[in-house]
PDB file of N, CA and C in Angstrom:
ATOM      1  N   MET A   1       0.840  -1.181   0.000  1.00  0.00           N
ATOM      2  CA  MET A   1       0.000   0.000   0.000  1.00  0.00           C
ATOM      3  C   MET A   1       0.886   1.246   0.000  1.00  0.00           C
ATOM      4  N   SER A   2       0.606   2.164  -0.855  1.00  0.00           N
ATOM      5  CA  SER A   2       1.325   3.435  -0.894  1.00  0.00           C
ATOM      6  C   SER A   2       0.789   4.336   0.203  1.00  0.00           C
ATOM      7  N   ARG A   3       1.585   5.319   0.573  1.00  0.00           N
ATOM      8  CA  ARG A   3       1.097   6.259   1.585  1.00  0.00           C
ATOM      9  C   ARG A   3       1.681   7.642   1.354  1.00  0.00           C
ATOM     10  N   VAL A   4       0.981   8.618   1.900  1.00  0.00           N
ATOM     11  CA  VAL A   4       1.359  10.021   1.764  1.00  0.00           C
ATOM     12  C   VAL A   4       1.688  10.565   3.145  1.00  0.00           C
ATOM     13  N   VAL A   5       2.779  11.310   3.245  1.00  0.00           N
ATOM     14  CA  VAL A   5       3.164  11.947   4.504  1.00  0.00           C
ATOM     15  C   VAL A   5       3.213  13.449   4.260  1.00  0.00           C
ATOM     16  N   PHE A   6       2.572  14.214   5.137  1.00  0.00           N
ATOM     17  CA  PHE A   6       2.537  15.675   5.018  1.00  0.00           C
ATOM     18  C   PHE A   6       3.478  16.289   6.032  1.00  0.00           C
ATOM     19  N   ARG A   7       4.335  17.169   5.549  1.00  0.00           N
ATOM     20  CA  ARG A   7       5.176  17.948   6.449  1.00  0.00           C
ATOM     21  C   ARG A   7       4.398  19.229   6.732  1.00  0.00           C
ATOM     22  N   GLU A   8       3.578  19.152   7.755  1.00  0.00           N
ATOM     23  CA  GLU A   8       2.610  20.209   8.048  1.00  0.00           C
ATOM     24  C   GLU A   8       3.234  21.576   8.229  1.00  0.00           C
ATOM     25  N   GLU A   9       4.456  21.630   8.751  1.00  0.00           N
ATOM     26  CA  GLU A   9       5.094  22.928   8.976  1.00  0.00           C
ATOM     27  C   GLU A   9       5.380  23.653   7.668  1.00  0.00           C
ATOM     28  N   ARG A  10       5.414  22.926   6.545  1.00  0.00           N
ATOM     29  CA  ARG A  10       5.678  23.536   5.235  1.00  0.00           C
ATOM     30  C   ARG A  10       4.392  23.880   4.481  1.00  0.00           C
ATOM     31  N   CYS A  11       3.272  23.272   4.851  1.00  0.00           N
ATOM     32  CA  CYS A  11       2.014  23.435   4.116  1.00  0.00           C
ATOM     33  C   CYS A  11       1.440  24.843   4.292  1.00  0.00           C
ATOM     34  N   LYS A  12       1.032  25.441   3.164  1.00  0.00           N
ATOM     35  CA  LYS A  12       0.412  26.767   3.195  1.00  0.00           C
ATOM     36  C   LYS A  12      -1.075  26.699   2.868  1.00  0.00           C
ATOM     37  N   GLY A  13      -1.610  25.494   2.775  1.00  0.00           N
ATOM     38  CA  GLY A  13      -3.043  25.328   2.540  1.00  0.00           C
ATOM     39  C   GLY A  13      -3.508  25.787   1.175  1.00  0.00           C
ATOM     40  N   CYS A  14      -2.665  25.689   0.171  1.00  0.00           N
ATOM     41  CA  CYS A  14      -3.037  26.153  -1.171  1.00  0.00           C
ATOM     42  C   CYS A  14      -4.046  25.221  -1.840  1.00  0.00           C
ATOM     43  N   LEU A  15      -4.086  23.963  -1.384  1.00  0.00           N
ATOM     44  CA  LEU A  15      -5.018  22.941  -1.874  1.00  0.00           C
ATOM     45  C   LEU A  15      -4.771  22.484  -3.311  1.00  0.00           C
ATOM     46  N   LEU A  16      -3.620  22.807  -3.877  1.00  0.00           N
ATOM     47  CA  LEU A  16      -3.306  22.311  -5.217  1.00  0.00           C
ATOM     48  C   LEU A  16      -3.281  20.784  -5.235  1.00  0.00           C
ATOM     49  N   CYS A  17      -2.796  20.195  -4.170  1.00  0.00           N
ATOM     50  CA  CYS A  17      -2.713  18.735  -4.099  1.00  0.00           C
ATOM     51  C   CYS A  17      -4.097  18.096  -4.140  1.00  0.00           C
ATOM     52  N   THR A  18      -5.070  18.739  -3.534  1.00  0.00           N
ATOM     53  CA  THR A  18      -6.428  18.182  -3.535  1.00  0.00           C
ATOM     54  C   THR A  18      -7.038  18.214  -4.933  1.00  0.00           C
ATOM     55  N   GLU A  19      -6.601  19.153  -5.748  1.00  0.00           N
ATOM     56  CA  GLU A  19      -7.131  19.280  -7.109  1.00  0.00           C
ATOM     57  C   GLU A  19      -6.591  18.214  -8.052  1.00  0.00           C
ATOM     58  N   VAL A  20      -5.361  17.749  -7.819  1.00  0.00           N
ATOM     59  CA  VAL A  20      -4.754  16.794  -8.752  1.00  0.00           C
ATOM     60  C   VAL A  20      -4.866  15.341  -8.315  1.00  0.00           C
ATOM     61  N   CYS A  21      -5.330  15.097  -7.123  1.00  0.00           N
ATOM     62  CA  CYS A  21      -5.429  13.721  -6.616  1.00  0.00           C
ATOM     63  C   CYS A  21      -6.511  12.958  -7.378  1.00  0.00           C
ATOM     64  N   PRO A  22      -6.137  11.919  -8.135  1.00  0.00           N
ATOM     65  CA  PRO A  22      -7.117  11.193  -8.941  1.00  0.00           C
ATOM     66  C   PRO A  22      -8.126  10.402  -8.111  1.00  0.00           C
ATOM     67  N   THR A  23      -7.765  10.068  -6.876  1.00  0.00           N
ATOM     68  CA  THR A  23      -8.689   9.308  -6.036  1.00  0.00           C
ATOM     69  C   THR A  23      -9.454  10.191  -5.059  1.00  0.00           C
ATOM     70  N   GLU A  24      -9.144  11.490  -5.063  1.00  0.00           N
ATOM     71  CA  GLU A  24      -9.829  12.487  -4.235  1.00  0.00           C
ATOM     72  C   GLU A  24      -9.824  12.141  -2.753  1.00  0.00           C
ATOM     73  N   ILE A  25      -8.667  11.665  -2.268  1.00  0.00           N
ATOM     74  CA  ILE A  25      -8.579  11.324  -0.845  1.00  0.00           C
ATOM     75  C   ILE A  25      -7.998  12.450  -0.004  1.00  0.00           C
ATOM     76  N   LEU A  26      -7.501  13.512  -0.648  1.00  0.00           N
ATOM     77  CA  LEU A  26      -6.897  14.620   0.091  1.00  0.00           C
ATOM     78  C   LEU A  26      -7.919  15.726   0.331  1.00  0.00           C
ATOM     79  N   ILE A  27      -7.954  16.209   1.562  1.00  0.00           N
ATOM     80  CA  ILE A  27      -8.878  17.294   1.922  1.00  0.00           C
ATOM     81  C   ILE A  27      -8.165  18.274   2.861  1.00  0.00           C
ATOM     82  N   GLN A  28      -8.754  19.448   3.011  1.00  0.00           N
ATOM     83  CA  GLN A  28      -8.221  20.409   3.971  1.00  0.00           C
ATOM     84  C   GLN A  28      -8.714  20.014   5.357  1.00  0.00           C
ATOM     85  N   SER A  29      -7.801  19.914   6.297  1.00  0.00           N
ATOM     86  CA  SER A  29      -8.187  19.514   7.652  1.00  0.00           C
ATOM     87  C   SER A  29      -8.594  20.733   8.466  1.00  0.00           C
ATOM     88  N   ASP A  30      -9.009  20.486   9.677  1.00  0.00           N
ATOM     89  CA  ASP A  30      -9.353  21.567  10.599  1.00  0.00           C
ATOM     90  C   ASP A  30      -8.151  21.982  11.437  1.00  0.00           C
ATOM     91  N   ASN A  31      -7.014  21.325  11.233  1.00  0.00           N
ATOM     92  CA  ASN A  31      -5.795  21.620  11.991  1.00  0.00           C
ATOM     93  C   ASN A  31      -5.006  22.756  11.355  1.00  0.00           C
ATOM     94  N   PHE A  32      -4.386  23.560  12.199  1.00  0.00           N
ATOM     95  CA  PHE A  32      -3.541  24.660  11.751  1.00  0.00           C
ATOM     96  C   PHE A  32      -2.085  24.352  12.069  1.00  0.00           C
ATOM     97  N   ASN A  33      -1.166  24.786  11.200  1.00  0.00           N
ATOM     98  CA  ASN A  33       0.254  24.639  11.517  1.00  0.00           C
ATOM     99  C   ASN A  33       0.719  25.887  12.284  1.00  0.00           C
ATOM    100  N   LYS A  34       1.998  25.966  12.585  1.00  0.00           N
ATOM    101  CA  LYS A  34       2.528  27.081  13.385  1.00  0.00           C
ATOM    102  C   LYS A  34       2.395  28.435  12.687  1.00  0.00           C
ATOM    103  N   GLN A  35       2.328  28.416  11.342  1.00  0.00           N
ATOM    104  CA  GLN A  35       2.178  29.671  10.597  1.00  0.00           C
ATOM    105  C   GLN A  35       0.714  30.107  10.500  1.00  0.00           C
ATOM    106  N   GLY A  36      -0.200  29.276  10.974  1.00  0.00           N
ATOM    107  CA  GLY A  36      -1.609  29.629  10.958  1.00  0.00           C
ATOM    108  C   GLY A  36      -2.367  29.152   9.728  1.00  0.00           C
ATOM    109  N   TYR A  37      -1.750  28.292   8.913  1.00  0.00           N
ATOM    110  CA  TYR A  37      -2.413  27.759   7.721  1.00  0.00           C
ATOM    111  C   TYR A  37      -3.138  26.460   8.058  1.00  0.00           C
ATOM    112  N   LYS A  38      -4.299  26.269   7.457  1.00  0.00           N
ATOM    113  CA  LYS A  38      -4.974  24.978   7.574  1.00  0.00           C
ATOM    114  C   LYS A  38      -4.238  24.003   6.674  1.00  0.00           C
ATOM    115  N   VAL A  39      -3.894  22.863   7.223  1.00  0.00           N
ATOM    116  CA  VAL A  39      -3.093  21.887   6.483  1.00  0.00           C
ATOM    117  C   VAL A  39      -3.985  20.844   5.804  1.00  0.00           C
ATOM    118  N   VAL A  40      -3.383  20.075   4.933  1.00  0.00           N
ATOM    119  CA  VAL A  40      -4.093  19.035   4.193  1.00  0.00           C
ATOM    120  C   VAL A  40      -3.930  17.702   4.922  1.00  0.00           C
ATOM    121  N   CYS A  41      -4.918  16.833   4.759  1.00  0.00           N
ATOM    122  CA  CYS A  41      -4.839  15.495   5.336  1.00  0.00           C
ATOM    123  C   CYS A  41      -5.540  14.507   4.403  1.00  0.00           C
ATOM    124  N   VAL A  42      -5.439  13.241   4.754  1.00  0.00           N
ATOM    125  CA  VAL A  42      -6.126  12.200   3.998  1.00  0.00           C
ATOM    126  C   VAL A  42      -7.519  12.040   4.586  1.00  0.00           C
ATOM    127  N   LYS A  43      -8.519  12.058   3.712  1.00  0.00           N
ATOM    128  CA  LYS A  43      -9.916  11.956   4.128  1.00  0.00           C
ATOM    129  C   LYS A  43     -10.133  10.689   4.948  1.00  0.00           C
ATOM    130  N   ASN A  44     -10.651  10.852   6.146  1.00  0.00           N
ATOM    131  CA  ASN A  44     -10.941   9.742   7.067  1.00  0.00           C
ATOM    132  C   ASN A  44      -9.715   8.884   7.372  1.00  0.00           C
ATOM    133  N   GLY A  45      -8.519   9.414   7.131  1.00  0.00           N
ATOM    134  CA  GLY A  45      -7.294   8.671   7.387  1.00  0.00           C
ATOM    135  C   GLY A  45      -7.163   7.406   6.547  1.00  0.00           C
ATOM    136  N   ASP A  46      -7.870   7.354   5.431  1.00  0.00           N
ATOM    137  CA  ASP A  46      -7.944   6.157   4.597  1.00  0.00           C
ATOM    138  C   ASP A  46      -6.851   6.144   3.539  1.00  0.00           C
ATOM    139  N   MET A  47      -5.700   5.580   3.872  1.00  0.00           N
ATOM    140  CA  MET A  47      -4.583   5.497   2.926  1.00  0.00           C
ATOM    141  C   MET A  47      -4.808   4.426   1.858  1.00  0.00           C
ATOM    142  N   GLU A  48      -5.796   3.568   2.045  1.00  0.00           N
ATOM    143  CA  GLU A  48      -6.067   2.506   1.072  1.00  0.00           C
ATOM    144  C   GLU A  48      -6.321   3.068  -0.319  1.00  0.00           C
ATOM    145  N   GLY A  49      -6.862   4.285  -0.387  1.00  0.00           N
ATOM    146  CA  GLY A  49      -7.186   4.882  -1.669  1.00  0.00           C
ATOM    147  C   GLY A  49      -5.994   5.458  -2.410  1.00  0.00           C
ATOM    148  N   CYS A  50      -4.854   5.573  -1.743  1.00  0.00           N
ATOM    149  CA  CYS A  50      -3.665   6.164  -2.374  1.00  0.00           C
ATOM    150  C   CYS A  50      -3.063   5.204  -3.380  1.00  0.00           C
ATOM    151  N   LYS A  51      -2.901   5.679  -4.621  1.00  0.00           N
ATOM    152  CA  LYS A  51      -2.314   4.870  -5.685  1.00  0.00           C
ATOM    153  C   LYS A  51      -0.796   5.048  -5.774  1.00  0.00           C
ATOM    154  N   GLY A  52      -0.266   6.026  -5.070  1.00  0.00           N
ATOM    155  CA  GLY A  52       1.166   6.281  -5.128  1.00  0.00           C
ATOM    156  C   GLY A  52       1.591   7.030  -6.372  1.00  0.00           C
ATOM    157  N   CYS A  53       0.677   7.723  -7.018  1.00  0.00           N
ATOM    158  CA  CYS A  53       0.988   8.425  -8.271  1.00  0.00           C
ATOM    159  C   CYS A  53       1.929   9.613  -8.057  1.00  0.00           C
ATOM    160  N   ALA A  54       1.904  10.188  -6.866  1.00  0.00           N
ATOM    161  CA  ALA A  54       2.749  11.318  -6.472  1.00  0.00           C
ATOM    162  C   ALA A  54       2.418  12.622  -7.194  1.00  0.00           C
ATOM    163  N   PHE A  55       1.243  12.729  -7.787  1.00  0.00           N
ATOM    164  CA  PHE A  55       0.827  13.995  -8.403  1.00  0.00           C
ATOM    165  C   PHE A  55       0.801  15.095  -7.348  1.00  0.00           C
ATOM    166  N   CYS A  56       0.346  14.754  -6.148  1.00  0.00           N
ATOM    167  CA  CYS A  56       0.257  15.735  -5.067  1.00  0.00           C
ATOM    168  C   CYS A  56       1.638  16.295  -4.719  1.00  0.00           C
ATOM    169  N   ALA A  57       2.628  15.410  -4.610  1.00  0.00           N
ATOM    170  CA  ALA A  57       3.985  15.841  -4.265  1.00  0.00           C
ATOM    171  C   ALA A  57       4.612  16.661  -5.382  1.00  0.00           C
ATOM    172  N   GLU A  58       4.310  16.299  -6.623  1.00  0.00           N
ATOM    173  CA  GLU A  58       4.873  17.021  -7.761  1.00  0.00           C
ATOM    174  C   GLU A  58       4.339  18.447  -7.858  1.00  0.00           C
ATOM    175  N   ILE A  59       3.064  18.644  -7.533  1.00  0.00           N
ATOM    176  CA  ILE A  59       2.477  19.969  -7.697  1.00  0.00           C
ATOM    177  C   ILE A  59       2.692  20.872  -6.477  1.00  0.00           C
ATOM    178  N   CYS A  60       3.054  20.297  -5.353  1.00  0.00           N
ATOM    179  CA  CYS A  60       3.211  21.085  -4.122  1.00  0.00           C
ATOM    180  C   CYS A  60       4.371  22.074  -4.258  1.00  0.00           C
ATOM    181  N   PRO A  61       4.086  23.374  -4.188  1.00  0.00           N
ATOM    182  CA  PRO A  61       5.151  24.374  -4.353  1.00  0.00           C
ATOM    183  C   PRO A  61       6.098  24.462  -3.159  1.00  0.00           C
ATOM    184  N   ASP A  62       5.703  23.888  -2.037  1.00  0.00           N
ATOM    185  CA  ASP A  62       6.496  24.000  -0.825  1.00  0.00           C
ATOM    186  C   ASP A  62       7.140  22.689  -0.380  1.00  0.00           C
ATOM    187  N   GLU A  63       7.087  21.676  -1.244  1.00  0.00           N
ATOM    188  CA  GLU A  63       7.664  20.370  -0.942  1.00  0.00           C
ATOM    189  C   GLU A  63       7.196  19.855   0.417  1.00  0.00           C
ATOM    190  N   ALA A  64       5.904  19.961   0.644  1.00  0.00           N
ATOM    191  CA  ALA A  64       5.322  19.551   1.921  1.00  0.00           C
ATOM    192  C   ALA A  64       4.806  18.118   1.915  1.00  0.00           C
ATOM    193  N   ILE A  65       4.919  17.436   0.778  1.00  0.00           N
ATOM    194  CA  ILE A  65       4.344  16.096   0.663  1.00  0.00           C
ATOM    195  C   ILE A  65       5.409  15.095   0.228  1.00  0.00           C
ATOM    196  N   ILE A  66       5.430  13.977   0.922  1.00  0.00           N
ATOM    197  CA  ILE A  66       6.309  12.870   0.564  1.00  0.00           C
ATOM    198  C   ILE A  66       5.414  11.669   0.291  1.00  0.00           C
ATOM    199  N   VAL A  67       5.649  10.989  -0.828  1.00  0.00           N
ATOM    200  CA  VAL A  67       4.864   9.808  -1.179  1.00  0.00           C
ATOM    201  C   VAL A  67       5.768   8.583  -1.129  1.00  0.00           C
ATOM    202  N   TYR A  68       5.314   7.600  -0.392  1.00  0.00           N
ATOM    203  CA  TYR A  68       6.000   6.315  -0.329  1.00  0.00           C
ATOM    204  C   TYR A  68       5.187   5.326  -1.146  1.00  0.00           C
ATOM    205  N   ARG A  69       5.805   4.780  -2.176  1.00  0.00           N
ATOM    206  CA  ARG A  69       5.110   3.841  -3.054  1.00  0.00           C
ATOM    207  C   ARG A  69       5.364   2.408  -2.625  1.00  0.00           C
ATOM    208  N   THR A  70       4.371   1.588  -2.814  1.00  0.00           N
ATOM    209  CA  THR A  70       4.501   0.172  -2.529  1.00  0.00           C
ATOM    210  C   THR A  70       5.277  -0.481  -3.661  1.00  0.00           C
ATOM    211  N   LYS A  71       6.243  -1.257  -3.312  1.00  0.00           N
ATOM    212  CA  LYS A  71       7.022  -1.963  -4.321  1.00  0.00           C
ATOM    213  C   LYS A  71       6.242  -3.196  -4.763  1.00  0.00           C
ATOM    214  N   LYS A  72       6.181  -3.411  -6.064  1.00  0.00           N
ATOM    215  CA  LYS A  72       5.463  -4.566  -6.583  1.00  0.00           C
ATOM    216  C   LYS A  72       6.230  -5.836  -6.250  1.00  0.00           C
ATOM    217  N   SER A  73       5.471  -6.876  -5.954  1.00  0.00           N
ATOM    218  CA  SER A  73       6.110  -8.174  -5.692  1.00  0.00           C
ATOM    219  C   SER A  73       6.551  -8.785  -7.009  1.00  0.00           C
ATOM    220  N   SER A  74       7.400  -9.788  -6.935  1.00  0.00           N
ATOM    221  CA  SER A  74       7.882 -10.421  -8.164  1.00  0.00           C
ATOM    222  C   SER A  74       6.741 -11.107  -8.902  1.00  0.00           C
ATOM    223  N   LYS A  75       5.733 -11.609  -8.197  1.00  0.00           N
ATOM    224  CA  LYS A  75       4.574 -12.224  -8.837  1.00  0.00           C
ATOM    225  C   LYS A  75       3.816 -11.199  -9.677  1.00  0.00           C
ATOM    226  N   GLU A  76       3.631  -9.988  -9.125  1.00  0.00           N
ATOM    227  CA  GLU A  76       2.934  -8.937  -9.870  1.00  0.00           C
ATOM    228  C   GLU A  76       3.730  -8.548 -11.110  1.00  0.00           C
ATOM    229  N   ASN A  77       5.050  -8.477 -10.992  1.00  0.00           N
ATOM    230  CA  ASN A  77       5.902  -8.134 -12.138  1.00  0.00           C
ATOM    231  C   ASN A  77       5.801  -9.207 -13.216  1.00  0.00           C
ATOM    232  N   ASP A  78       5.827 -10.478 -12.815  1.00  0.00           N
ATOM    233  CA  ASP A  78       5.711 -11.568 -13.767  1.00  0.00           C
ATOM    234  C   ASP A  78       4.374 -11.512 -14.504  1.00  0.00           C
ATOM    235  N   LEU A  79       3.317 -11.201 -13.767  1.00  0.00           N
ATOM    236  CA  LEU A  79       1.990 -11.099 -14.364  1.00  0.00           C
ATOM    237  C   LEU A  79       1.929  -9.977 -15.383  1.00  0.00           C
ATOM    238  N   SER A  80       2.504  -8.826 -15.033  1.00  0.00           N
ATOM    239  CA  SER A  80       2.455  -7.688 -15.952  1.00  0.00           C
ATOM    240  C   SER A  80       3.266  -7.975 -17.210  1.00  0.00           C
ATOM    241  N   GLU A  81       4.359  -8.722 -17.084  1.00  0.00           N
ATOM    242  CA  GLU A  81       5.157  -9.075 -18.251  1.00  0.00           C
ATOM    243  C   GLU A  81       4.371 -10.002 -19.183  1.00  0.00           C
ATOM    244  N   GLU A  82       3.615 -10.933 -18.604  1.00  0.00           N
ATOM    245  CA  GLU A  82       2.807 -11.853 -19.401  1.00  0.00           C
ATOM    246  C   GLU A  82       1.720 -11.104 -20.163  1.00  0.00           C
ATOM    247  N   ILE A  83       1.136 -10.120 -19.509  1.00  0.00           N
ATOM    248  CA  ILE A  83       0.062  -9.337 -20.138  1.00  0.00           C
ATOM    249  C   ILE A  83       0.614  -8.496 -21.280  1.00  0.00           C
ATOM    250  N   ASP A  84       1.809  -7.922 -21.096  1.00  0.00           N
ATOM    251  CA  ASP A  84       2.408  -7.066 -22.113  1.00  0.00           C
ATOM    252  C   ASP A  84       2.771  -7.826 -23.389  1.00  0.00           C
ATOM    253  N   GLU A  85       3.061  -9.096 -23.270  1.00  0.00           N
ATOM    254  CA  GLU A  85       3.517  -9.877 -24.414  1.00  0.00           C
ATOM    255  C   GLU A  85       2.426 -10.213 -25.357  1.00  0.00           C
TER     256      GLU A  85
END
């Protein structure tokens, strides 16, 4: 399972990440960081919806998002190779 980590101290609440998330799991939280900005969080804490695409991290102007992608198992790789052929 992929997951997203927010460095809340860097977030300015611009919400660009919420606009590009294909699974729409990112929302503005009710929490404020030290600068007084409302930070972003995962809706209902449900990381299951994260595909690991990293669109959110790419668009973030303040580098406030880190995405950890799940590494595919060798079985999944073998399956994808069979499908491609």
